[in-house]
C-alpha cells in the first residue's frame, strides 16, 4: 500500500512539473513575440 501512495505522489509531481514546463515555454514564447513586435515598432 505504501508503494501505491508513492506512485500517486510521483504522478502528481510529474503533472506539476509538466505544468511548470508548459508555463515556462508559454512565457518564453510570449517574451519572444513581445521582442519581435517591439523591434518591428522601434527598429
PDB file of N, CA and C in Angstrom:
ATOM      1  N   UNK A   1       0.837  -1.203   0.000  1.00  0.00           N
ATOM      2  CA  UNK A   1       0.000   0.000   0.000  1.00  0.00           C
ATOM      3  C   UNK A   1       0.877   1.260   0.000  1.00  0.00           C
ATOM      4  N   UNK A   2       1.980   1.198   0.719  1.00  0.00           N
ATOM      5  CA  UNK A   2       2.877   2.349   0.751  1.00  0.00           C
ATOM      6  C   UNK A   2       3.425   2.679  -0.624  1.00  0.00           C
ATOM      7  N   UNK A   3       3.695   1.615  -1.410  1.00  0.00           N
ATOM      8  CA  UNK A   3       4.227   1.836  -2.755  1.00  0.00           C
ATOM      9  C   UNK A   3       3.194   2.549  -3.634  1.00  0.00           C
ATOM     10  N   UNK A   4       1.926   2.144  -3.497  1.00  0.00           N
ATOM     11  CA  UNK A   4       0.864   2.777  -4.282  1.00  0.00           C
ATOM     12  C   UNK A   4       0.806   4.274  -4.018  1.00  0.00           C
ATOM     13  N   UNK A   5       0.838   4.644  -2.747  1.00  0.00           N
ATOM     14  CA  UNK A   5       0.777   6.064  -2.394  1.00  0.00           C
ATOM     15  C   UNK A   5       1.960   6.813  -3.003  1.00  0.00           C
ATOM     16  N   UNK A   6       3.133   6.175  -2.966  1.00  0.00           N
ATOM     17  CA  UNK A   6       4.325   6.811  -3.513  1.00  0.00           C
ATOM     18  C   UNK A   6       4.160   7.020  -5.026  1.00  0.00           C
ATOM     19  N   UNK A   7       3.589   6.014  -5.717  1.00  0.00           N
ATOM     20  CA  UNK A   7       3.366   6.126  -7.158  1.00  0.00           C
ATOM     21  C   UNK A   7       2.451   7.311  -7.464  1.00  0.00           C
ATOM     22  N   UNK A   8       1.359   7.416  -6.716  1.00  0.00           N
ATOM     23  CA  UNK A   8       0.426   8.527  -6.926  1.00  0.00           C
ATOM     24  C   UNK A   8       1.143   9.850  -6.717  1.00  0.00           C
ATOM     25  N   UNK A   9       1.974   9.893  -5.684  1.00  0.00           N
ATOM     26  CA  UNK A   9       2.702  11.129  -5.378  1.00  0.00           C
ATOM     27  C   UNK A   9       3.618  11.504  -6.539  1.00  0.00           C
ATOM     28  N   UNK A  10       4.342  10.512  -7.097  1.00  0.00           N
ATOM     29  CA  UNK A  10       5.250  10.814  -8.197  1.00  0.00           C
ATOM     30  C   UNK A  10       4.458  11.257  -9.428  1.00  0.00           C
ATOM     31  N   UNK A  11       3.293  10.642  -9.653  1.00  0.00           N
ATOM     32  CA  UNK A  11       2.455  11.078 -10.779  1.00  0.00           C
ATOM     33  C   UNK A  11       2.052  12.536 -10.604  1.00  0.00           C
ATOM     34  N   UNK A  12       1.664  12.893  -9.372  1.00  0.00           N
ATOM     35  CA  UNK A  12       1.301  14.286  -9.090  1.00  0.00           C
ATOM     36  C   UNK A  12       2.483  15.202  -9.373  1.00  0.00           C
ATOM     37  N   UNK A  13       3.666  14.796  -8.913  1.00  0.00           N
ATOM     38  CA  UNK A  13       4.864  15.610  -9.121  1.00  0.00           C
ATOM     39  C   UNK A  13       5.153  15.764 -10.607  1.00  0.00           C
ATOM     40  N   UNK A  14       5.000  14.662 -11.371  1.00  0.00           N
ATOM     41  CA  UNK A  14       5.239  14.719 -12.809  1.00  0.00           C
ATOM     42  C   UNK A  14       4.268  15.688 -13.476  1.00  0.00           C
ATOM     43  N   UNK A  15       2.987  15.606 -13.090  1.00  0.00           N
ATOM     44  CA  UNK A  15       1.997  16.514 -13.675  1.00  0.00           C
ATOM     45  C   UNK A  15       2.341  17.958 -13.341  1.00  0.00           C
ATOM     46  N   UNK A  16       2.754  18.206 -12.096  1.00  0.00           N
ATOM     47  CA  UNK A  16       3.108  19.564 -11.683  1.00  0.00           C
ATOM     48  C   UNK A  16       4.320  20.042 -12.477  1.00  0.00           C
ATOM     49  N   UNK A  17       5.306  19.156 -12.671  1.00  0.00           N
ATOM     50  CA  UNK A  17       6.499  19.516 -13.435  1.00  0.00           C
ATOM     51  C   UNK A  17       6.116  19.851 -14.876  1.00  0.00           C
ATOM     52  N   UNK A  18       5.230  19.042 -15.469  1.00  0.00           N
ATOM     53  CA  UNK A  18       4.767  19.324 -16.830  1.00  0.00           C
ATOM     54  C   UNK A  18       4.100  20.689 -16.894  1.00  0.00           C
ATOM     55  N   UNK A  19       3.274  20.992 -15.876  1.00  0.00           N
ATOM     56  CA  UNK A  19       2.588  22.281 -15.819  1.00  0.00           C
ATOM     57  C   UNK A  19       3.607  23.418 -15.782  1.00  0.00           C
ATOM     58  N   UNK A  20       4.626  23.272 -14.926  1.00  0.00           N
ATOM     59  CA  UNK A  20       5.655  24.308 -14.798  1.00  0.00           C
ATOM     60  C   UNK A  20       6.389  24.487 -16.118  1.00  0.00           C
ATOM     61  N   UNK A  21       6.741  23.358 -16.761  1.00  0.00           N
ATOM     62  CA  UNK A  21       7.463  23.427 -18.035  1.00  0.00           C
ATOM     63  C   UNK A  21       6.603  24.131 -19.081  1.00  0.00           C
ATOM     64  N   UNK A  22       5.308  23.794 -19.132  1.00  0.00           N
ATOM     65  CA  UNK A  22       4.405  24.446 -20.088  1.00  0.00           C
ATOM     66  C   UNK A  22       4.348  25.942 -19.825  1.00  0.00           C
ATOM     67  N   UNK A  23       4.229  26.337 -18.552  1.00  0.00           N
ATOM     68  CA  UNK A  23       4.163  27.757 -18.207  1.00  0.00           C
ATOM     69  C   UNK A  23       5.437  28.456 -18.655  1.00  0.00           C
ATOM     70  N   UNK A  24       6.596  27.819 -18.405  1.00  0.00           N
ATOM     71  CA  UNK A  24       7.878  28.417 -18.798  1.00  0.00           C
ATOM     72  C   UNK A  24       7.931  28.587 -20.312  1.00  0.00           C
ATOM     73  N   UNK A  25       7.538  27.554 -21.070  1.00  0.00           N
ATOM     74  CA  UNK A  25       7.578  27.637 -22.525  1.00  0.00           C
ATOM     75  C   UNK A  25       6.653  28.731 -23.035  1.00  0.00           C
ATOM     76  N   UNK A  26       5.443  28.806 -22.493  1.00  0.00           N
ATOM     77  CA  UNK A  26       4.480  29.822 -22.923  1.00  0.00           C
ATOM     78  C   UNK A  26       5.019  31.214 -22.640  1.00  0.00           C
ATOM     79  N   UNK A  27       5.605  31.398 -21.449  1.00  0.00           N
ATOM     80  CA  UNK A  27       6.139  32.722 -21.101  1.00  0.00           C
ATOM     81  C   UNK A  27       7.311  33.078 -22.011  1.00  0.00           C
ATOM     82  N   UNK A  28       8.143  32.092 -22.367  1.00  0.00           N
ATOM     83  CA  UNK A  28       9.255  32.357 -23.286  1.00  0.00           C
ATOM     84  C   UNK A  28       8.731  32.753 -24.662  1.00  0.00           C
ATOM     85  N   UNK A  29       7.702  32.056 -25.142  1.00  0.00           N
ATOM     86  CA  UNK A  29       7.119  32.378 -26.445  1.00  0.00           C
ATOM     87  C   UNK A  29       6.537  33.786 -26.417  1.00  0.00           C
ATOM     88  N   UNK A  30       5.830  34.132 -25.337  1.00  0.00           N
ATOM     89  CA  UNK A  30       5.249  35.470 -25.211  1.00  0.00           C
ATOM     90  C   UNK A  30       6.354  36.519 -25.203  1.00  0.00           C
ATOM     91  N   UNK A  31       7.434  36.256 -24.463  1.00  0.00           N
ATOM     92  CA  UNK A  31       8.571  37.185 -24.432  1.00  0.00           C
ATOM     93  C   UNK A  31       9.141  37.374 -25.832  1.00  0.00           C
ATOM     94  N   UNK A  32       9.317  36.274 -26.566  1.00  0.00           N
ATOM     95  CA  UNK A  32       9.856  36.354 -27.921  1.00  0.00           C
ATOM     96  C   UNK A  32       8.933  37.185 -28.811  1.00  0.00           C
ATOM     97  N   UNK A  33       7.624  36.959 -28.711  1.00  0.00           N
ATOM     98  CA  UNK A  33       6.668  37.722 -29.516  1.00  0.00           C
ATOM     99  C   UNK A  33       6.738  39.206 -29.170  1.00  0.00           C
ATOM    100  N   UNK A  34       6.810  39.520 -27.878  1.00  0.00           N
ATOM    101  CA  UNK A  34       6.901  40.918 -27.450  1.00  0.00           C
ATOM    102  C   UNK A  34       8.165  41.551 -28.015  1.00  0.00           C
ATOM    103  N   UNK A  35       9.278  40.827 -27.964  1.00  0.00           N
ATOM    104  CA  UNK A  35      10.536  41.349 -28.507  1.00  0.00           C
ATOM    105  C   UNK A  35      10.400  41.608 -30.005  1.00  0.00           C
ATOM    106  N   UNK A  36       9.830  40.662 -30.744  1.00  0.00           N
ATOM    107  CA  UNK A  36       9.671  40.821 -32.194  1.00  0.00           C
ATOM    108  C   UNK A  36       8.793  42.026 -32.496  1.00  0.00           C
ATOM    109  N   UNK A  37       7.684  42.161 -31.779  1.00  0.00           N
ATOM    110  CA  UNK A  37       6.767  43.281 -32.008  1.00  0.00           C
ATOM    111  C   UNK A  37       7.459  44.597 -31.691  1.00  0.00           C
ATOM    112  N   UNK A  38       8.167  44.657 -30.565  1.00  0.00           N
ATOM    113  CA  UNK A  38       8.840  45.906 -30.183  1.00  0.00           C
ATOM    114  C   UNK A  38       9.935  46.251 -31.187  1.00  0.00           C
ATOM    115  N   UNK A  39      10.652  45.245 -31.693  1.00  0.00           N
ATOM    116  CA  UNK A  39      11.683  45.513 -32.698  1.00  0.00           C
ATOM    117  C   UNK A  39      11.051  46.030 -33.984  1.00  0.00           C
ATOM    118  N   UNK A  40       9.912  45.473 -34.376  1.00  0.00           N
ATOM    119  CA  UNK A  40       9.269  45.915 -35.613  1.00  0.00           C
ATOM    120  C   UNK A  40       8.731  47.338 -35.454  1.00  0.00           C
ATOM    121  N   UNK A  41       8.359  47.727 -34.228  1.00  0.00           N
ATOM    122  CA  UNK A  41       7.890  49.095 -33.999  1.00  0.00           C
ATOM    123  C   UNK A  41       9.051  50.079 -33.918  1.00  0.00           C
ATOM    124  N   UNK A  42      10.075  49.742 -33.113  1.00  0.00           N
ATOM    125  CA  UNK A  42      11.146  50.700 -32.824  1.00  0.00           C
ATOM    126  C   UNK A  42      12.379  50.484 -33.700  1.00  0.00           C
ATOM    127  N   UNK A  43      12.461  49.363 -34.400  1.00  0.00           N
ATOM    128  CA  UNK A  43      13.650  49.048 -35.179  1.00  0.00           C
ATOM    129  C   UNK A  43      13.695  49.753 -36.521  1.00  0.00           C
TER     130      UNK A  43
END
